[in-house]
Structure formats: structure tokens, C-alpha cells
């Protein structure tokens, strides 16, 4: 088992890491917009979260093409449609199984949280 840390503000506070490579899979934790310059709009936050996920997948030797499941968490379900073009471009010809859940997030400033599971390569 291998753990990948991103230095995110909640990793030490809560006791988790960005991703764990185990059992032939990369399990990426729920990821929100990263950093102090968090964009306020859902599209910008989605882009920021995807960039952090892509970095973790890359460190694990995986990519978006290897993602088998994605879960999207949003406090306001109607916001999700604004993210669709970005998500379609991200996953392209390799769409994973997906679920969207409307729920509260750890901080009201967050508009989307994304969690993925991917095949581990190598």
C-alpha cells in the first residue's frame, strides 16, 4: 500500500491523505478547490479539484483514462450542469461510472467535491 499526500489543509487536521494505492486501484479522496485563491464559481472550483486529482493520479502512475468511478458532491445540484463540458473534456473517450450527490460540504465556500477510483498502472 502506498499513500500520496498533497499538503492539503485538511490532511493533517482530519488525518487522511489525497490518495491511496492499494489492491490494484488508486483511491483518491474527496477533493475540493485547492489553495487560498479558491475561485468562487463552481466551474473554477471543478477545474481546481480536477487539477489536484490529476496530480495525485500522476504520482500514482495513473491518469483520468484509468478512472473507473467518480462521485461528485455538490451543495446545490443545479450547479452541476455548468461542470458538464469540463468533465466531458476531462474523461473524453474514457468515461467512468458516475454518481452525483447533493449534500453539505466541509466549508460553505466549496461548491463541488470530487472523488475518484482508478486502476493502478505499474
C-alpha atoms as a PDB file:
ATOM      1  CA  UNK A   1       0.000   0.000   0.000  1.00  0.00           C
ATOM      2  CA  UNK A   2       1.278   3.475  -0.862  1.00  0.00           C
ATOM      3  CA  UNK A   3      -0.061   6.800   0.400  1.00  0.00           C
ATOM      4  CA  UNK A   4       0.124  10.038  -1.565  1.00  0.00           C
ATOM      5  CA  UNK A   5      -0.070  13.350   0.288  1.00  0.00           C
ATOM      6  CA  UNK A   6      -0.827  16.688  -1.366  1.00  0.00           C
ATOM      7  CA  UNK A   7      -0.283  19.007   1.584  1.00  0.00           C
ATOM      8  CA  UNK A   8      -3.961  19.994   1.556  1.00  0.00           C
ATOM      9  CA  UNK A   9      -5.163  21.993   4.569  1.00  0.00           C
ATOM     10  CA  UNK A  10      -7.359  19.218   5.923  1.00  0.00           C
ATOM     11  CA  UNK A  11      -4.983  16.240   5.575  1.00  0.00           C
ATOM     12  CA  UNK A  12      -3.259  16.739   8.934  1.00  0.00           C
ATOM     13  CA  UNK A  13      -6.304  18.237  10.667  1.00  0.00           C
ATOM     14  CA  UNK A  14      -8.536  15.284   9.831  1.00  0.00           C
ATOM     15  CA  UNK A  15      -5.964  12.516   9.346  1.00  0.00           C
ATOM     16  CA  UNK A  16      -6.169  11.396   5.719  1.00  0.00           C
ATOM     17  CA  UNK A  17      -4.138  11.563   2.519  1.00  0.00           C
ATOM     18  CA  UNK A  18      -5.010  12.639  -1.019  1.00  0.00           C
ATOM     19  CA  UNK A  19      -4.761   9.113  -2.426  1.00  0.00           C
ATOM     20  CA  UNK A  20      -4.003   5.522  -1.522  1.00  0.00           C
ATOM     21  CA  UNK A  21      -2.697   2.968  -3.997  1.00  0.00           C
ATOM     22  CA  UNK A  22      -3.854  -0.486  -2.882  1.00  0.00           C
ATOM     23  CA  UNK A  23      -5.312  -3.681  -4.298  1.00  0.00           C
ATOM     24  CA  UNK A  24      -4.734  -2.663  -7.916  1.00  0.00           C
ATOM     25  CA  UNK A  25      -6.570   0.643  -7.535  1.00  0.00           C
ATOM     26  CA  UNK A  26      -5.859   4.288  -6.794  1.00  0.00           C
ATOM     27  CA  UNK A  27      -8.415   5.662  -4.342  1.00  0.00           C
ATOM     28  CA  UNK A  28      -8.437   9.477  -4.470  1.00  0.00           C
ATOM     29  CA  UNK A  29     -10.061  11.232  -1.526  1.00  0.00           C
ATOM     30  CA  UNK A  30     -12.845  13.738  -1.988  1.00  0.00           C
ATOM     31  CA  UNK A  31     -11.122  16.808  -3.438  1.00  0.00           C
ATOM     32  CA  UNK A  32     -12.274  20.427  -3.400  1.00  0.00           C
ATOM     33  CA  UNK A  33     -10.734  23.564  -4.920  1.00  0.00           C
ATOM     34  CA  UNK A  34      -7.157  23.882  -3.706  1.00  0.00           C
ATOM     35  CA  UNK A  35      -5.337  26.800  -2.142  1.00  0.00           C
ATOM     36  CA  UNK A  36      -6.125  30.211  -0.764  1.00  0.00           C
ATOM     37  CA  UNK A  37      -7.036  31.534  -4.216  1.00  0.00           C
ATOM     38  CA  UNK A  38     -10.107  29.303  -4.423  1.00  0.00           C
ATOM     39  CA  UNK A  39     -12.254  30.565  -7.303  1.00  0.00           C
ATOM     40  CA  UNK A  40     -15.795  31.299  -6.205  1.00  0.00           C
ATOM     41  CA  UNK A  41     -17.620  29.797  -9.175  1.00  0.00           C
ATOM     42  CA  UNK A  42     -18.379  26.097  -9.471  1.00  0.00           C
ATOM     43  CA  UNK A  43     -16.590  25.742 -12.824  1.00  0.00           C
ATOM     44  CA  UNK A  44     -13.354  27.183 -11.445  1.00  0.00           C
ATOM     45  CA  UNK A  45     -13.613  25.021  -8.358  1.00  0.00           C
ATOM     46  CA  UNK A  46     -14.260  21.959 -10.508  1.00  0.00           C
ATOM     47  CA  UNK A  47     -11.166  22.781 -12.600  1.00  0.00           C
ATOM     48  CA  UNK A  48      -9.053  23.241  -9.436  1.00  0.00           C
ATOM     49  CA  UNK A  49     -10.243  19.953  -7.923  1.00  0.00           C
ATOM     50  CA  UNK A  50      -9.592  18.083 -11.180  1.00  0.00           C
ATOM     51  CA  UNK A  51      -6.044  19.502 -11.322  1.00  0.00           C
ATOM     52  CA  UNK A  52      -5.336  18.203  -7.794  1.00  0.00           C
ATOM     53  CA  UNK A  53      -6.825  14.819  -8.695  1.00  0.00           C
ATOM     54  CA  UNK A  54      -4.781  14.653 -11.901  1.00  0.00           C
ATOM     55  CA  UNK A  55      -1.609  15.360  -9.900  1.00  0.00           C
ATOM     56  CA  UNK A  56      -2.403  12.581  -7.401  1.00  0.00           C
ATOM     57  CA  UNK A  57      -3.240  10.140 -10.192  1.00  0.00           C
ATOM     58  CA  UNK A  58       0.017  11.026 -11.942  1.00  0.00           C
ATOM     59  CA  UNK A  59       2.031  10.436  -8.764  1.00  0.00           C
ATOM     60  CA  UNK A  60       0.346   7.033  -8.549  1.00  0.00           C
ATOM     61  CA  UNK A  61       1.254   6.254 -12.181  1.00  0.00           C
ATOM     62  CA  UNK A  62      -2.369   6.514 -13.294  1.00  0.00           C
ATOM     63  CA  UNK A  63      -4.473   9.032 -15.238  1.00  0.00           C
ATOM     64  CA  UNK A  64      -8.036  10.136 -15.940  1.00  0.00           C
ATOM     65  CA  UNK A  65      -8.167   7.444 -18.648  1.00  0.00           C
ATOM     66  CA  UNK A  66      -7.837   4.851 -15.839  1.00  0.00           C
ATOM     67  CA  UNK A  67     -10.698   6.192 -13.683  1.00  0.00           C
ATOM     68  CA  UNK A  68     -13.434   3.588 -13.201  1.00  0.00           C
ATOM     69  CA  UNK A  69     -15.703   5.517 -10.800  1.00  0.00           C
ATOM     70  CA  UNK A  70     -16.252   9.165  -9.964  1.00  0.00           C
ATOM     71  CA  UNK A  71     -18.533  10.711  -7.357  1.00  0.00           C
ATOM     72  CA  UNK A  72     -19.479  14.379  -7.414  1.00  0.00           C
ATOM     73  CA  UNK A  73     -20.741  16.099  -4.268  1.00  0.00           C
ATOM     74  CA  UNK A  74     -22.458  19.478  -4.579  1.00  0.00           C
ATOM     75  CA  UNK A  75     -24.397  21.581  -2.069  1.00  0.00           C
ATOM     76  CA  UNK A  76     -26.625  22.794  -4.944  1.00  0.00           C
ATOM     77  CA  UNK A  77     -27.442  20.155  -7.560  1.00  0.00           C
ATOM     78  CA  UNK A  78     -28.404  22.750 -10.207  1.00  0.00           C
ATOM     79  CA  UNK A  79     -24.748  23.939 -10.222  1.00  0.00           C
ATOM     80  CA  UNK A  80     -23.639  20.602 -11.649  1.00  0.00           C
ATOM     81  CA  UNK A  81     -24.693  21.328 -15.239  1.00  0.00           C
ATOM     82  CA  UNK A  82     -22.105  24.132 -15.504  1.00  0.00           C
ATOM     83  CA  UNK A  83     -19.370  21.500 -14.948  1.00  0.00           C
ATOM     84  CA  UNK A  84     -20.538  19.048 -17.614  1.00  0.00           C
ATOM     85  CA  UNK A  85     -18.421  20.406 -20.519  1.00  0.00           C
ATOM     86  CA  UNK A  86     -15.269  20.352 -18.378  1.00  0.00           C
ATOM     87  CA  UNK A  87     -15.990  16.820 -17.149  1.00  0.00           C
ATOM     88  CA  UNK A  88     -16.739  15.558 -20.659  1.00  0.00           C
ATOM     89  CA  UNK A  89     -13.431  17.036 -21.861  1.00  0.00           C
ATOM     90  CA  UNK A  90     -11.548  15.551 -18.891  1.00  0.00           C
ATOM     91  CA  UNK A  91     -12.777  11.999 -19.328  1.00  0.00           C
ATOM     92  CA  UNK A  92     -13.215  12.125 -23.117  1.00  0.00           C
ATOM     93  CA  UNK A  93     -13.434   8.674 -24.657  1.00  0.00           C
ATOM     94  CA  UNK A  94     -12.914   7.000 -21.255  1.00  0.00           C
ATOM     95  CA  UNK A  95     -15.975   7.930 -19.182  1.00  0.00           C
ATOM     96  CA  UNK A  96     -16.184   6.289 -15.750  1.00  0.00           C
ATOM     97  CA  UNK A  97     -19.259   5.158 -13.872  1.00  0.00           C
ATOM     98  CA  UNK A  98     -20.530   8.263 -12.074  1.00  0.00           C
ATOM     99  CA  UNK A  99     -22.759   9.449  -9.250  1.00  0.00           C
ATOM    100  CA  UNK A 100     -23.760  12.976  -8.231  1.00  0.00           C
ATOM    101  CA  UNK A 101     -24.921  13.620  -4.677  1.00  0.00           C
ATOM    102  CA  UNK A 102     -26.414  16.838  -3.320  1.00  0.00           C
ATOM    103  CA  UNK A 103     -25.088  17.412   0.202  1.00  0.00           C
ATOM    104  CA  UNK A 104     -23.330  19.851   2.509  1.00  0.00           C
ATOM    105  CA  UNK A 105     -19.540  20.130   2.226  1.00  0.00           C
ATOM    106  CA  UNK A 106     -16.904  20.789   4.900  1.00  0.00           C
ATOM    107  CA  UNK A 107     -16.979  24.565   4.330  1.00  0.00           C
ATOM    108  CA  UNK A 108     -19.733  26.663   2.694  1.00  0.00           C
ATOM    109  CA  UNK A 109     -17.165  28.267   0.344  1.00  0.00           C
ATOM    110  CA  UNK A 110     -16.863  24.975  -1.545  1.00  0.00           C
ATOM    111  CA  UNK A 111     -19.262  24.396  -4.445  1.00  0.00           C
ATOM    112  CA  UNK A 112     -18.077  20.922  -5.555  1.00  0.00           C
ATOM    113  CA  UNK A 113     -16.084  17.974  -4.217  1.00  0.00           C
ATOM    114  CA  UNK A 114     -14.887  15.150  -6.461  1.00  0.00           C
ATOM    115  CA  UNK A 115     -13.741  11.635  -5.514  1.00  0.00           C
ATOM    116  CA  UNK A 116     -12.354   9.053  -7.940  1.00  0.00           C
ATOM    117  CA  UNK A 117     -11.202   5.449  -8.063  1.00  0.00           C
ATOM    118  CA  UNK A 118      -8.826   4.454 -10.846  1.00  0.00           C
ATOM    119  CA  UNK A 119      -6.914   1.381 -11.960  1.00  0.00           C
ATOM    120  CA  UNK A 120      -3.339   1.399 -10.695  1.00  0.00           C
ATOM    121  CA  UNK A 121      -0.818   1.065 -13.509  1.00  0.00           C
ATOM    122  CA  UNK A 122       2.603  -0.401 -12.877  1.00  0.00           C
END
